[in-house]
Amino acid sequence: MEDNSKKNAPARERKVKGKVEIDIQKCKGCELCTAACKEQALTLSETINIKGYRYIIANNDACTGCVNCALVCPDAVITVYRTHPVKKPVDITPENIREQLQSIVSPSK
């Protein structure tokens, strides 16, 4: 019996993410990329392209940018971009900054 919990699980937070772009009009749906994708971010579409093939679609939320899919694609229709998530700024300003600045500007005698 197949475990579907991995397919329906939300993508875990990663340090590096990827964005997959596929030229769907040139894709022949050979599924070599889906076998190479460890994150199961690629699936076969239900619709067909202009050549009559079911093409590959990407779930970029699950992609890590490993480029395995692009390496195995025989028609070179997959491009992968790696992205680094933007870090949230952290406020490191001390609470008593006004007092510290005041003591520096006009020191007590």
PDB file of N, CA and C in Angstrom:
ATOM      1  N   MET A   1       0.838  -1.181   0.000  1.00  0.00           N
ATOM      2  CA  MET A   1       0.000   0.000   0.000  1.00  0.00           C
ATOM      3  C   MET A   1       0.881   1.243   0.000  1.00  0.00           C
ATOM      4  N   GLU A   2       0.541   2.233  -0.785  1.00  0.00           N
ATOM      5  CA  GLU A   2       1.346   3.442  -0.931  1.00  0.00           C
ATOM      6  C   GLU A   2       0.988   4.456   0.151  1.00  0.00           C
ATOM      7  N   ASP A   3       2.028   5.118   0.672  1.00  0.00           N
ATOM      8  CA  ASP A   3       1.835   6.130   1.708  1.00  0.00           C
ATOM      9  C   ASP A   3       1.630   7.490   1.047  1.00  0.00           C
ATOM     10  N   ASN A   4       0.425   8.051   1.170  1.00  0.00           N
ATOM     11  CA  ASN A   4       0.109   9.342   0.557  1.00  0.00           C
ATOM     12  C   ASN A   4       0.380  10.515   1.483  1.00  0.00           C
ATOM     13  N   SER A   5       0.847  10.260   2.705  1.00  0.00           N
ATOM     14  CA  SER A   5       1.070  11.358   3.648  1.00  0.00           C
ATOM     15  C   SER A   5       2.181  12.291   3.178  1.00  0.00           C
ATOM     16  N   LYS A   6       3.191  11.761   2.460  1.00  0.00           N
ATOM     17  CA  LYS A   6       4.265  12.610   1.956  1.00  0.00           C
ATOM     18  C   LYS A   6       3.772  13.526   0.844  1.00  0.00           C
ATOM     19  N   LYS A   7       2.874  13.047   0.023  1.00  0.00           N
ATOM     20  CA  LYS A   7       2.381  13.846  -1.095  1.00  0.00           C
ATOM     21  C   LYS A   7       1.533  15.010  -0.616  1.00  0.00           C
ATOM     22  N   ASN A   8       0.786  14.808   0.454  1.00  0.00           N
ATOM     23  CA  ASN A   8      -0.127  15.839   0.939  1.00  0.00           C
ATOM     24  C   ASN A   8       0.483  16.699   2.035  1.00  0.00           C
ATOM     25  N   ALA A   9       1.690  16.367   2.486  1.00  0.00           N
ATOM     26  CA  ALA A   9       2.331  17.120   3.561  1.00  0.00           C
ATOM     27  C   ALA A   9       2.807  18.470   3.027  1.00  0.00           C
ATOM     28  N   PRO A  10       2.721  19.514   3.855  1.00  0.00           N
ATOM     29  CA  PRO A  10       3.221  20.828   3.411  1.00  0.00           C
ATOM     30  C   PRO A  10       4.734  20.790   3.272  1.00  0.00           C
ATOM     31  N   ALA A  11       5.240  21.636   2.389  1.00  0.00           N
ATOM     32  CA  ALA A  11       6.685  21.697   2.154  1.00  0.00           C
ATOM     33  C   ALA A  11       7.368  22.234   3.402  1.00  0.00           C
ATOM     34  N   ARG A  12       8.457  21.570   3.805  1.00  0.00           N
ATOM     35  CA  ARG A  12       9.175  22.037   4.990  1.00  0.00           C
ATOM     36  C   ARG A  12      10.062  23.224   4.624  1.00  0.00           C
ATOM     37  N   GLU A  13      10.349  24.035   5.614  1.00  0.00           N
ATOM     38  CA  GLU A  13      11.153  25.246   5.392  1.00  0.00           C
ATOM     39  C   GLU A  13      12.597  24.856   5.118  1.00  0.00           C
ATOM     40  N   ARG A  14      13.174  25.419   4.071  1.00  0.00           N
ATOM     41  CA  ARG A  14      14.535  25.098   3.664  1.00  0.00           C
ATOM     42  C   ARG A  14      15.369  26.370   3.586  1.00  0.00           C
ATOM     43  N   LYS A  15      16.684  26.193   3.701  1.00  0.00           N
ATOM     44  CA  LYS A  15      17.577  27.329   3.565  1.00  0.00           C
ATOM     45  C   LYS A  15      17.653  27.779   2.118  1.00  0.00           C
ATOM     46  N   VAL A  16      17.722  26.819   1.206  1.00  0.00           N
ATOM     47  CA  VAL A  16      17.802  27.135  -0.215  1.00  0.00           C
ATOM     48  C   VAL A  16      16.561  26.565  -0.899  1.00  0.00           C
ATOM     49  N   LYS A  17      15.948  27.361  -1.720  1.00  0.00           N
ATOM     50  CA  LYS A  17      14.792  26.901  -2.474  1.00  0.00           C
ATOM     51  C   LYS A  17      15.106  26.996  -3.954  1.00  0.00           C
ATOM     52  N   GLY A  18      14.251  26.404  -4.745  1.00  0.00           N
ATOM     53  CA  GLY A  18      14.456  26.444  -6.177  1.00  0.00           C
ATOM     54  C   GLY A  18      13.200  26.843  -6.905  1.00  0.00           C
ATOM     55  N   LYS A  19      13.405  27.268  -8.116  1.00  0.00           N
ATOM     56  CA  LYS A  19      12.289  27.599  -8.993  1.00  0.00           C
ATOM     57  C   LYS A  19      12.553  26.873 -10.311  1.00  0.00           C
ATOM     58  N   VAL A  20      11.616  26.019 -10.701  1.00  0.00           N
ATOM     59  CA  VAL A  20      11.760  25.231 -11.915  1.00  0.00           C
ATOM     60  C   VAL A  20      10.915  25.857 -13.011  1.00  0.00           C
ATOM     61  N   GLU A  21      11.539  26.066 -14.162  1.00  0.00           N
ATOM     62  CA  GLU A  21      10.803  26.533 -15.338  1.00  0.00           C
ATOM     63  C   GLU A  21      10.918  25.453 -16.401  1.00  0.00           C
ATOM     64  N   ILE A  22       9.767  25.080 -16.968  1.00  0.00           N
ATOM     65  CA  ILE A  22       9.719  24.018 -17.960  1.00  0.00           C
ATOM     66  C   ILE A  22       9.088  24.569 -19.230  1.00  0.00           C
ATOM     67  N   ASP A  23       9.738  24.339 -20.364  1.00  0.00           N
ATOM     68  CA  ASP A  23       9.157  24.711 -21.657  1.00  0.00           C
ATOM     69  C   ASP A  23       8.145  23.620 -22.004  1.00  0.00           C
ATOM     70  N   ILE A  24       6.899  23.839 -21.606  1.00  0.00           N
ATOM     71  CA  ILE A  24       5.896  22.783 -21.723  1.00  0.00           C
ATOM     72  C   ILE A  24       5.569  22.430 -23.170  1.00  0.00           C
ATOM     73  N   GLN A  25       5.793  23.327 -24.096  1.00  0.00           N
ATOM     74  CA  GLN A  25       5.501  23.018 -25.506  1.00  0.00           C
ATOM     75  C   GLN A  25       6.543  22.075 -26.104  1.00  0.00           C
ATOM     76  N   LYS A  26       7.733  21.998 -25.503  1.00  0.00           N
ATOM     77  CA  LYS A  26       8.781  21.101 -25.999  1.00  0.00           C
ATOM     78  C   LYS A  26       8.905  19.819 -25.174  1.00  0.00           C
ATOM     79  N   CYS A  27       8.273  19.777 -24.008  1.00  0.00           N
ATOM     80  CA  CYS A  27       8.359  18.621 -23.116  1.00  0.00           C
ATOM     81  C   CYS A  27       7.612  17.438 -23.715  1.00  0.00           C
ATOM     82  N   LYS A  28       8.239  16.250 -23.682  1.00  0.00           N
ATOM     83  CA  LYS A  28       7.623  15.036 -24.206  1.00  0.00           C
ATOM     84  C   LYS A  28       7.055  14.147 -23.108  1.00  0.00           C
ATOM     85  N   GLY A  29       7.160  14.581 -21.862  1.00  0.00           N
ATOM     86  CA  GLY A  29       6.581  13.827 -20.757  1.00  0.00           C
ATOM     87  C   GLY A  29       7.230  12.484 -20.508  1.00  0.00           C
ATOM     88  N   CYS A  30       8.530  12.377 -20.709  1.00  0.00           N
ATOM     89  CA  CYS A  30       9.228  11.100 -20.525  1.00  0.00           C
ATOM     90  C   CYS A  30       9.315  10.686 -19.058  1.00  0.00           C
ATOM     91  N   GLU A  31       9.122  11.621 -18.152  1.00  0.00           N
ATOM     92  CA  GLU A  31       9.118  11.422 -16.702  1.00  0.00           C
ATOM     93  C   GLU A  31      10.469  11.035 -16.108  1.00  0.00           C
ATOM     94  N   LEU A  32      11.557  11.227 -16.837  1.00  0.00           N
ATOM     95  CA  LEU A  32      12.875  10.997 -16.255  1.00  0.00           C
ATOM     96  C   LEU A  32      13.130  11.979 -15.116  1.00  0.00           C
ATOM     97  N   CYS A  33      12.640  13.189 -15.276  1.00  0.00           N
ATOM     98  CA  CYS A  33      12.840  14.213 -14.245  1.00  0.00           C
ATOM     99  C   CYS A  33      12.070  13.888 -12.966  1.00  0.00           C
ATOM    100  N   THR A  34      10.881  13.309 -13.104  1.00  0.00           N
ATOM    101  CA  THR A  34      10.102  12.972 -11.904  1.00  0.00           C
ATOM    102  C   THR A  34      10.791  11.880 -11.107  1.00  0.00           C
ATOM    103  N   ALA A  35      11.460  10.953 -11.798  1.00  0.00           N
ATOM    104  CA  ALA A  35      12.208   9.906 -11.104  1.00  0.00           C
ATOM    105  C   ALA A  35      13.454  10.475 -10.432  1.00  0.00           C
ATOM    106  N   ALA A  36      14.049  11.511 -11.019  1.00  0.00           N
ATOM    107  CA  ALA A  36      15.271  12.115 -10.474  1.00  0.00           C
ATOM    108  C   ALA A  36      14.992  13.069  -9.324  1.00  0.00           C
ATOM    109  N   CYS A  37      13.762  13.540  -9.197  1.00  0.00           N
ATOM    110  CA  CYS A  37      13.418  14.533  -8.172  1.00  0.00           C
ATOM    111  C   CYS A  37      13.190  13.851  -6.827  1.00  0.00           C
ATOM    112  N   LYS A  38      14.107  14.098  -5.878  1.00  0.00           N
ATOM    113  CA  LYS A  38      14.003  13.496  -4.549  1.00  0.00           C
ATOM    114  C   LYS A  38      12.888  14.120  -3.723  1.00  0.00           C
ATOM    115  N   GLU A  39      12.520  15.343  -4.056  1.00  0.00           N
ATOM    116  CA  GLU A  39      11.492  16.060  -3.299  1.00  0.00           C
ATOM    117  C   GLU A  39      10.086  15.843  -3.848  1.00  0.00           C
ATOM    118  N   GLN A  40       9.959  15.092  -4.919  1.00  0.00           N
ATOM    119  CA  GLN A  40       8.675  14.828  -5.579  1.00  0.00           C
ATOM    120  C   GLN A  40       7.956  16.134  -5.932  1.00  0.00           C
ATOM    121  N   ALA A  41       8.731  17.068  -6.481  1.00  0.00           N
ATOM    122  CA  ALA A  41       8.195  18.378  -6.841  1.00  0.00           C
ATOM    123  C   ALA A  41       7.671  18.419  -8.273  1.00  0.00           C
ATOM    124  N   LEU A  42       7.868  17.360  -9.035  1.00  0.00           N
ATOM    125  CA  LEU A  42       7.451  17.329 -10.434  1.00  0.00           C
ATOM    126  C   LEU A  42       6.396  16.241 -10.648  1.00  0.00           C
ATOM    127  N   THR A  43       5.372  16.599 -11.426  1.00  0.00           N
ATOM    128  CA  THR A  43       4.324  15.635 -11.738  1.00  0.00           C
ATOM    129  C   THR A  43       3.912  15.780 -13.200  1.00  0.00           C
ATOM    130  N   LEU A  44       3.265  14.760 -13.702  1.00  0.00           N
ATOM    131  CA  LEU A  44       2.785  14.770 -15.077  1.00  0.00           C
ATOM    132  C   LEU A  44       1.424  15.460 -15.116  1.00  0.00           C
ATOM    133  N   SER A  45       1.228  16.336 -16.080  1.00  0.00           N
ATOM    134  CA  SER A  45      -0.026  17.083 -16.174  1.00  0.00           C
ATOM    135  C   SER A  45      -1.150  16.199 -16.711  1.00  0.00           C
ATOM    136  N   GLU A  46      -2.339  16.658 -16.550  1.00  0.00           N
ATOM    137  CA  GLU A  46      -3.510  15.956 -17.088  1.00  0.00           C
ATOM    138  C   GLU A  46      -3.817  16.419 -18.508  1.00  0.00           C
ATOM    139  N   THR A  47      -3.274  17.575 -18.904  1.00  0.00           N
ATOM    140  CA  THR A  47      -3.532  18.125 -20.235  1.00  0.00           C
ATOM    141  C   THR A  47      -2.343  17.872 -21.148  1.00  0.00           C
ATOM    142  N   ILE A  48      -2.534  18.123 -22.428  1.00  0.00           N
ATOM    143  CA  ILE A  48      -1.468  17.873 -23.400  1.00  0.00           C
ATOM    144  C   ILE A  48      -0.964  19.187 -23.994  1.00  0.00           C
ATOM    145  N   ASN A  49       0.267  19.136 -24.505  1.00  0.00           N
ATOM    146  CA  ASN A  49       0.841  20.320 -25.138  1.00  0.00           C
ATOM    147  C   ASN A  49       0.545  20.301 -26.635  1.00  0.00           C
ATOM    148  N   ILE A  50       1.141  21.219 -27.372  1.00  0.00           N
ATOM    149  CA  ILE A  50       0.866  21.367 -28.798  1.00  0.00           C
ATOM    150  C   ILE A  50       1.300  20.137 -29.607  1.00  0.00           C
ATOM    151  N   LYS A  51       2.284  19.376 -29.081  1.00  0.00           N
ATOM    152  CA  LYS A  51       2.754  18.173 -29.762  1.00  0.00           C
ATOM    153  C   LYS A  51       1.936  16.928 -29.414  1.00  0.00           C
ATOM    154  N   GLY A  52       1.022  17.069 -28.457  1.00  0.00           N
ATOM    155  CA  GLY A  52       0.177  15.950 -28.069  1.00  0.00           C
ATOM    156  C   GLY A  52       0.697  15.144 -26.896  1.00  0.00           C
ATOM    157  N   TYR A  53       1.704  15.662 -26.190  1.00  0.00           N
ATOM    158  CA  TYR A  53       2.265  14.971 -25.031  1.00  0.00           C
ATOM    159  C   TYR A  53       1.730  15.570 -23.740  1.00  0.00           C
ATOM    160  N   ARG A  54       1.582  14.717 -22.724  1.00  0.00           N
ATOM    161  CA  ARG A  54       1.351  15.227 -21.375  1.00  0.00           C
ATOM    162  C   ARG A  54       2.695  15.747 -20.880  1.00  0.00           C
ATOM    163  N   TYR A  55       2.722  16.928 -20.367  1.00  0.00           N
ATOM    164  CA  TYR A  55       3.981  17.570 -19.977  1.00  0.00           C
ATOM    165  C   TYR A  55       4.135  17.581 -18.463  1.00  0.00           C
ATOM    166  N   ILE A  56       5.328  17.935 -18.023  1.00  0.00           N
ATOM    167  CA  ILE A  56       5.661  17.971 -16.596  1.00  0.00           C
ATOM    168  C   ILE A  56       5.312  19.342 -16.020  1.00  0.00           C
ATOM    169  N   ILE A  57       4.753  19.334 -14.826  1.00  0.00           N
ATOM    170  CA  ILE A  57       4.497  20.578 -14.102  1.00  0.00           C
ATOM    171  C   ILE A  57       5.254  20.519 -12.768  1.00  0.00           C
ATOM    172  N   ALA A  58       5.648  21.681 -12.279  1.00  0.00           N
ATOM    173  CA  ALA A  58       6.477  21.751 -11.078  1.00  0.00           C
ATOM    174  C   ALA A  58       5.729  22.373  -9.910  1.00  0.00           C
ATOM    175  N   ASN A  59       6.008  21.856  -8.722  1.00  0.00           N
ATOM    176  CA  ASN A  59       5.548  22.450  -7.476  1.00  0.00           C
ATOM    177  C   ASN A  59       6.760  23.153  -6.874  1.00  0.00           C
ATOM    178  N   ASN A  60       6.901  24.435  -7.135  1.00  0.00           N
ATOM    179  CA  ASN A  60       8.094  25.169  -6.704  1.00  0.00           C
ATOM    180  C   ASN A  60       8.183  25.321  -5.190  1.00  0.00           C
ATOM    181  N   ASP A  61       7.094  25.091  -4.464  1.00  0.00           N
ATOM    182  CA  ASP A  61       7.158  25.162  -3.006  1.00  0.00           C
ATOM    183  C   ASP A  61       7.972  24.013  -2.421  1.00  0.00           C
ATOM    184  N   ALA A  62       8.015  22.886  -3.133  1.00  0.00           N
ATOM    185  CA  ALA A  62       8.752  21.719  -2.648  1.00  0.00           C
ATOM    186  C   ALA A  62      10.161  21.643  -3.213  1.00  0.00           C
ATOM    187  N   CYS A  63      10.491  22.464  -4.192  1.00  0.00           N
ATOM    188  CA  CYS A  63      11.775  22.388  -4.885  1.00  0.00           C
ATOM    189  C   CYS A  63      12.912  22.928  -4.020  1.00  0.00           C
ATOM    190  N   THR A  64      14.040  22.194  -4.031  1.00  0.00           N
ATOM    191  CA  THR A  64      15.232  22.633  -3.306  1.00  0.00           C
ATOM    192  C   THR A  64      16.287  23.219  -4.233  1.00  0.00           C
ATOM    193  N   GLY A  65      16.061  23.166  -5.538  1.00  0.00           N
ATOM    194  CA  GLY A  65      17.014  23.708  -6.487  1.00  0.00           C
ATOM    195  C   GLY A  65      18.205  22.802  -6.733  1.00  0.00           C
ATOM    196  N   CYS A  66      18.042  21.502  -6.576  1.00  0.00           N
ATOM    197  CA  CYS A  66      19.163  20.564  -6.719  1.00  0.00           C
ATOM    198  C   CYS A  66      19.581  20.355  -8.176  1.00  0.00           C
ATOM    199  N   VAL A  67      18.783  20.717  -9.130  1.00  0.00           N
ATOM    200  CA  VAL A  67      18.981  20.633 -10.583  1.00  0.00           C
ATOM    201  C   VAL A  67      19.063  19.218 -11.142  1.00  0.00           C
ATOM    202  N   ASN A  68      18.724  18.190 -10.358  1.00  0.00           N
ATOM    203  CA  ASN A  68      18.728  16.817 -10.876  1.00  0.00           C
ATOM    204  C   ASN A  68      17.802  16.678 -12.074  1.00  0.00           C
ATOM    205  N   CYS A  69      16.654  17.327 -12.021  1.00  0.00           N
ATOM    206  CA  CYS A  69      15.681  17.224 -13.112  1.00  0.00           C
ATOM    207  C   CYS A  69      16.249  17.789 -14.410  1.00  0.00           C
ATOM    208  N   ALA A  70      16.920  18.912 -14.331  1.00  0.00           N
ATOM    209  CA  ALA A  70      17.499  19.532 -15.526  1.00  0.00           C
ATOM    210  C   ALA A  70      18.642  18.692 -16.093  1.00  0.00           C
ATOM    211  N   LEU A  71      19.392  18.028 -15.225  1.00  0.00           N
ATOM    212  CA  LEU A  71      20.514  17.214 -15.678  1.00  0.00           C
ATOM    213  C   LEU A  71      20.066  15.978 -16.459  1.00  0.00           C
ATOM    214  N   VAL A  72      18.932  15.392 -16.080  1.00  0.00           N
ATOM    215  CA  VAL A  72      18.490  14.165 -16.751  1.00  0.00           C
ATOM    216  C   VAL A  72      17.556  14.417 -17.926  1.00  0.00           C
ATOM    217  N   CYS A  73      17.108  15.655 -18.107  1.00  0.00           N
ATOM    218  CA  CYS A  73      16.162  15.951 -19.197  1.00  0.00           C
ATOM    219  C   CYS A  73      16.848  15.796 -20.554  1.00  0.00           C
ATOM    220  N   PRO A  74      16.394  14.842 -21.385  1.00  0.00           N
ATOM    221  CA  PRO A  74      17.048  14.611 -22.665  1.00  0.00           C
ATOM    222  C   PRO A  74      16.846  15.744 -23.673  1.00  0.00           C
ATOM    223  N   ASP A  75      15.816  16.544 -23.486  1.00  0.00           N
ATOM    224  CA  ASP A  75      15.520  17.624 -24.427  1.00  0.00           C
ATOM    225  C   ASP A  75      15.912  18.996 -23.895  1.00  0.00           C
ATOM    226  N   ALA A  76      16.503  19.047 -22.704  1.00  0.00           N
ATOM    227  CA  ALA A  76      16.960  20.289 -22.073  1.00  0.00           C
ATOM    228  C   ALA A  76      15.866  21.357 -22.042  1.00  0.00           C
ATOM    229  N   VAL A  77      14.681  20.968 -21.598  1.00  0.00           N
ATOM    230  CA  VAL A  77      13.563  21.914 -21.526  1.00  0.00           C
ATOM    231  C   VAL A  77      13.337  22.416 -20.098  1.00  0.00           C
ATOM    232  N   ILE A  78      14.193  21.995 -19.163  1.00  0.00           N
ATOM    233  CA  ILE A  78      14.030  22.380 -17.758  1.00  0.00           C
ATOM    234  C   ILE A  78      15.165  23.318 -17.358  1.00  0.00           C
ATOM    235  N   THR A  79      14.790  24.432 -16.739  1.00  0.00           N
ATOM    236  CA  THR A  79      15.756  25.375 -16.175  1.00  0.00           C
ATOM    237  C   THR A  79      15.440  25.520 -14.694  1.00  0.00           C
ATOM    238  N   VAL A  80      16.471  25.464 -13.867  1.00  0.00           N
ATOM    239  CA  VAL A  80      16.286  25.569 -12.421  1.00  0.00           C
ATOM    240  C   VAL A  80      17.039  26.790 -11.917  1.00  0.00           C
ATOM    241  N   TYR A  81      16.365  27.583 -11.105  1.00  0.00           N
ATOM    242  CA  TYR A  81      16.971  28.745 -10.458  1.00  0.00           C
ATOM    243  C   TYR A  81      16.961  28.507  -8.960  1.00  0.00           C
ATOM    244  N   ARG A  82      18.092  28.783  -8.318  1.00  0.00           N
ATOM    245  CA  ARG A  82      18.144  28.677  -6.860  1.00  0.00           C
ATOM    246  C   ARG A  82      17.858  30.041  -6.257  1.00  0.00           C
ATOM    247  N   THR A  83      17.066  30.030  -5.210  1.00  0.00           N
ATOM    248  CA  THR A  83      16.740  31.270  -4.522  1.00  0.00           C
ATOM    249  C   THR A  83      17.030  31.093  -3.037  1.00  0.00           C
ATOM    250  N   HIS A  84      17.466  32.145  -2.418  1.00  0.00           N
ATOM    251  CA  HIS A  84      17.700  32.141  -0.984  1.00  0.00           C
ATOM    252  C   HIS A  84      16.600  32.968  -0.337  1.00  0.00           C
ATOM    253  N   PRO A  85      15.880  32.381   0.605  1.00  0.00           N
ATOM    254  CA  PRO A  85      14.809  33.139   1.246  1.00  0.00           C
ATOM    255  C   PRO A  85      15.342  34.384   1.949  1.00  0.00           C
ATOM    256  N   VAL A  86      14.567  35.431   1.928  1.00  0.00           N
ATOM    257  CA  VAL A  86      14.960  36.681   2.563  1.00  0.00           C
ATOM    258  C   VAL A  86      14.821  36.519   4.068  1.00  0.00           C
ATOM    259  N   LYS A  87      15.898  36.853   4.763  1.00  0.00           N
ATOM    260  CA  LYS A  87      15.866  36.762   6.215  1.00  0.00           C
ATOM    261  C   LYS A  87      15.095  37.943   6.783  1.00  0.00           C
ATOM    262  N   LYS A  88      14.358  37.686   7.838  1.00  0.00           N
ATOM    263  CA  LYS A  88      13.625  38.747   8.505  1.00  0.00           C
ATOM    264  C   LYS A  88      14.615  39.596   9.299  1.00  0.00           C
ATOM    265  N   PRO A  89      14.492  40.927   9.192  1.00  0.00           N
ATOM    266  CA  PRO A  89      15.410  41.777   9.957  1.00  0.00           C
ATOM    267  C   PRO A  89      15.154  41.648  11.464  1.00  0.00           C
ATOM    268  N   VAL A  90      16.228  41.664  12.206  1.00  0.00           N
ATOM    269  CA  VAL A  90      16.136  41.555  13.656  1.00  0.00           C
ATOM    270  C   VAL A  90      16.550  42.887  14.254  1.00  0.00           C
ATOM    271  N   ASP A  91      15.716  43.414  15.128  1.00  0.00           N
ATOM    272  CA  ASP A  91      16.024  44.684  15.780  1.00  0.00           C
ATOM    273  C   ASP A  91      16.963  44.428  16.952  1.00  0.00           C
ATOM    274  N   ILE A  92      18.186  44.947  16.861  1.00  0.00           N
ATOM    275  CA  ILE A  92      19.172  44.753  17.924  1.00  0.00           C
ATOM    276  C   ILE A  92      19.441  46.047  18.695  1.00  0.00           C
ATOM    277  N   THR A  93      18.590  47.034  18.496  1.00  0.00           N
ATOM    278  CA  THR A  93      18.752  48.319  19.169  1.00  0.00           C
ATOM    279  C   THR A  93      18.460  48.143  20.661  1.00  0.00           C
ATOM    280  N   PRO A  94      19.399  48.573  21.514  1.00  0.00           N
ATOM    281  CA  PRO A  94      19.149  48.476  22.961  1.00  0.00           C
ATOM    282  C   PRO A  94      17.985  49.378  23.368  1.00  0.00           C
ATOM    283  N   GLU A  95      17.284  48.964  24.393  1.00  0.00           N
ATOM    284  CA  GLU A  95      16.118  49.734  24.855  1.00  0.00           C
ATOM    285  C   GLU A  95      16.522  51.105  25.398  1.00  0.00           C
ATOM    286  N   ASN A  96      17.681  51.187  26.005  1.00  0.00           N
ATOM    287  CA  ASN A  96      18.112  52.450  26.609  1.00  0.00           C
ATOM    288  C   ASN A  96      19.068  53.214  25.696  1.00  0.00           C
ATOM    289  N   ILE A  97      18.853  53.158  24.403  1.00  0.00           N
ATOM    290  CA  ILE A  97      19.753  53.811  23.450  1.00  0.00           C
ATOM    291  C   ILE A  97      19.770  55.329  23.625  1.00  0.00           C
ATOM    292  N   ARG A  98      18.633  55.925  23.969  1.00  0.00           N
ATOM    293  CA  ARG A  98      18.585  57.376  24.155  1.00  0.00           C
ATOM    294  C   ARG A  98      19.512  57.811  25.289  1.00  0.00           C
ATOM    295  N   GLU A  99      19.459  57.083  26.383  1.00  0.00           N
ATOM    296  CA  GLU A  99      20.306  57.428  27.526  1.00  0.00           C
ATOM    297  C   GLU A  99      21.788  57.246  27.175  1.00  0.00           C
ATOM    298  N   GLN A 100      22.091  56.173  26.432  1.00  0.00           N
ATOM    299  CA  GLN A 100      23.483  55.927  26.064  1.00  0.00           C
ATOM    300  C   GLN A 100      24.004  57.029  25.141  1.00  0.00           C
ATOM    301  N   LEU A 101      23.197  57.434  24.175  1.00  0.00           N
ATOM    302  CA  LEU A 101      23.607  58.480  23.246  1.00  0.00           C
ATOM    303  C   LEU A 101      23.747  59.821  23.977  1.00  0.00           C
ATOM    304  N   GLN A 102      22.825  60.102  24.875  1.00  0.00           N
ATOM    305  CA  GLN A 102      22.874  61.346  25.638  1.00  0.00           C
ATOM    306  C   GLN A 102      24.143  61.420  26.483  1.00  0.00           C
ATOM    307  N   SER A 103      24.542  60.299  27.064  1.00  0.00           N
ATOM    308  CA  SER A 103      25.751  60.289  27.900  1.00  0.00           C
ATOM    309  C   SER A 103      27.004  60.464  27.036  1.00  0.00           C
ATOM    310  N   ILE A 104      26.965  60.044  25.793  1.00  0.00           N
ATOM    311  CA  ILE A 104      28.111  60.202  24.895  1.00  0.00           C
ATOM    312  C   ILE A 104      28.191  61.648  24.395  1.00  0.00           C
ATOM    313  N   VAL A 105      27.054  62.233  24.032  1.00  0.00           N
ATOM    314  CA  VAL A 105      27.007  63.582  23.468  1.00  0.00           C
ATOM    315  C   VAL A 105      27.325  64.619  24.537  1.00  0.00           C
ATOM    316  N   SER A 106      26.729  64.518  25.683  1.00  0.00           N
ATOM    317  CA  SER A 106      26.993  65.502  26.741  1.00  0.00           C
ATOM    318  C   SER A 106      27.323  64.753  28.024  1.00  0.00           C
ATOM    319  N   PRO A 107      28.575  64.354  28.169  1.00  0.00           N
ATOM    320  CA  PRO A 107      28.964  63.589  29.357  1.00  0.00           C
ATOM    321  C   PRO A 107      28.885  64.451  30.624  1.00  0.00           C
ATOM    322  N   SER A 108      28.564  63.817  31.707  1.00  0.00           N
ATOM    323  CA  SER A 108      28.477  64.520  32.991  1.00  0.00           C
ATOM    324  C   SER A 108      29.879  64.859  33.489  1.00  0.00           C
ATOM    325  N   LYS A 109      30.004  66.035  34.102  1.00  0.00           N
ATOM    326  CA  LYS A 109      31.318  66.467  34.584  1.00  0.00           C
ATOM    327  C   LYS A 109      31.480  66.229  36.027  1.00  0.00           C
TER     328      LYS A 109
END
